[in-house]
Protein backbone atom coordinates (compact mmCIF):
# COMPACT_ATOMS: atom_id res chain seq x y z
CA UNK A 1 94.84 121.28 100.85
CA UNK A 2 95.37 117.63 101.76
CA UNK A 3 91.72 117.31 102.83
CA UNK A 4 90.57 118.78 99.52
CA UNK A 5 92.55 116.18 97.58
CA UNK A 6 91.13 113.41 99.76
CA UNK A 7 87.58 114.72 99.27
CA UNK A 8 88.02 114.85 95.51
CA UNK A 9 89.50 111.34 95.44
CA UNK A 10 86.61 109.96 97.49
CA UNK A 11 84.05 111.73 95.30
CA UNK A 12 85.63 110.27 92.16
CA UNK A 13 85.78 106.79 93.66
CA UNK A 14 82.11 106.93 94.64
CA UNK A 15 80.89 108.38 91.34
CA UNK A 16 82.86 106.04 89.04
CA UNK A 17 80.44 103.07 89.33
CA UNK A 18 77.48 105.33 88.56
CA UNK A 19 79.14 106.62 85.41
CA UNK A 20 79.94 103.08 84.28
CA UNK A 21 76.36 101.95 84.92
CA UNK A 22 74.91 104.88 83.01
CA UNK A 23 76.88 103.92 79.91
CA UNK A 24 75.53 100.36 79.84
CA UNK A 25 71.91 101.47 79.38
CA UNK A 26 71.63 101.82 75.63
CA UNK A 27 68.39 102.99 74.01
CA UNK A 28 66.31 100.48 72.09
CA UNK A 29 66.90 100.22 68.38
CA UNK A 30 64.10 100.64 65.88
CA UNK A 31 64.20 96.92 65.11
CA UNK A 32 63.85 96.05 68.82
CA UNK A 33 60.80 98.31 69.17
CA UNK A 34 59.20 96.79 66.06
CA UNK A 35 59.84 93.28 67.41
CA UNK A 36 58.24 94.17 70.75
CA UNK A 37 55.18 95.69 69.05
CA UNK A 38 54.84 92.64 66.81
CA UNK A 39 55.06 90.29 69.82
CA UNK A 40 52.42 92.33 71.69
CA UNK A 41 50.07 92.20 68.70
CA UNK A 42 50.58 88.45 68.37
CA UNK A 43 49.75 88.10 72.08
CA UNK A 44 46.42 89.80 71.45
CA UNK A 45 47.14 93.42 72.39
CA UNK A 46 45.33 96.10 70.39
CA UNK A 47 46.33 99.73 70.75
CA UNK A 48 42.71 100.82 70.40
CA UNK A 49 41.64 98.72 73.41
CA UNK A 50 39.55 100.62 75.97
CA UNK A 51 41.08 98.59 78.80
CA UNK A 52 44.63 99.66 78.00
CA UNK A 53 46.47 98.99 81.27
CA UNK A 54 44.91 95.59 81.84
CA UNK A 55 45.23 94.48 78.23
CA UNK A 56 48.93 95.31 77.88
CA UNK A 57 49.70 93.67 81.22
CA UNK A 58 47.93 90.48 80.13
CA UNK A 59 49.70 90.54 76.74
CA UNK A 60 53.10 90.97 78.41
CA UNK A 61 52.29 88.15 80.84
CA UNK A 62 51.34 85.91 77.90
CA UNK A 63 54.65 86.72 76.19
CA UNK A 64 56.55 85.97 79.40
CA UNK A 65 54.80 82.60 79.74
CA UNK A 66 55.64 81.75 76.12
CA UNK A 67 59.30 82.64 76.68
CA UNK A 68 59.40 80.54 79.86
CA UNK A 69 57.82 77.60 78.05
CA UNK A 70 60.18 77.98 75.08
CA UNK A 71 63.25 77.83 77.27
CA UNK A 72 64.55 81.37 76.86
CA UNK A 73 66.78 82.66 79.63
CA UNK A 74 68.50 80.82 82.40
CA UNK A 75 67.21 77.75 84.14
CA UNK A 76 66.83 78.62 87.80
CA UNK A 77 66.90 74.99 88.83
CA UNK A 78 70.04 74.17 86.87
CA UNK A 79 73.27 73.26 88.58
CA UNK A 80 76.60 71.81 87.63
CA UNK A 81 78.62 69.16 89.35
CA UNK A 82 82.13 69.33 88.06
CA UNK A 83 84.32 66.29 88.51
CA UNK A 84 81.62 63.78 89.37
């Protein structure tokens, strides 16, 4: 009986992080999807394009370059020197 309790406790301890991680992945909202589609269209993507995989990859790369140039996200080269 003692081994059963230990096995259940270990199983719960191992599965707890997976349950917490699963809850953090929320589905996209309608507004987020519309914003992504609008950004893709502004980057030159057309849904009727015959070269679908290549065209969406290039549009996403263009969007990523624009975000990097605009300063979105964290600065990988940034540092802080507290007390100097």
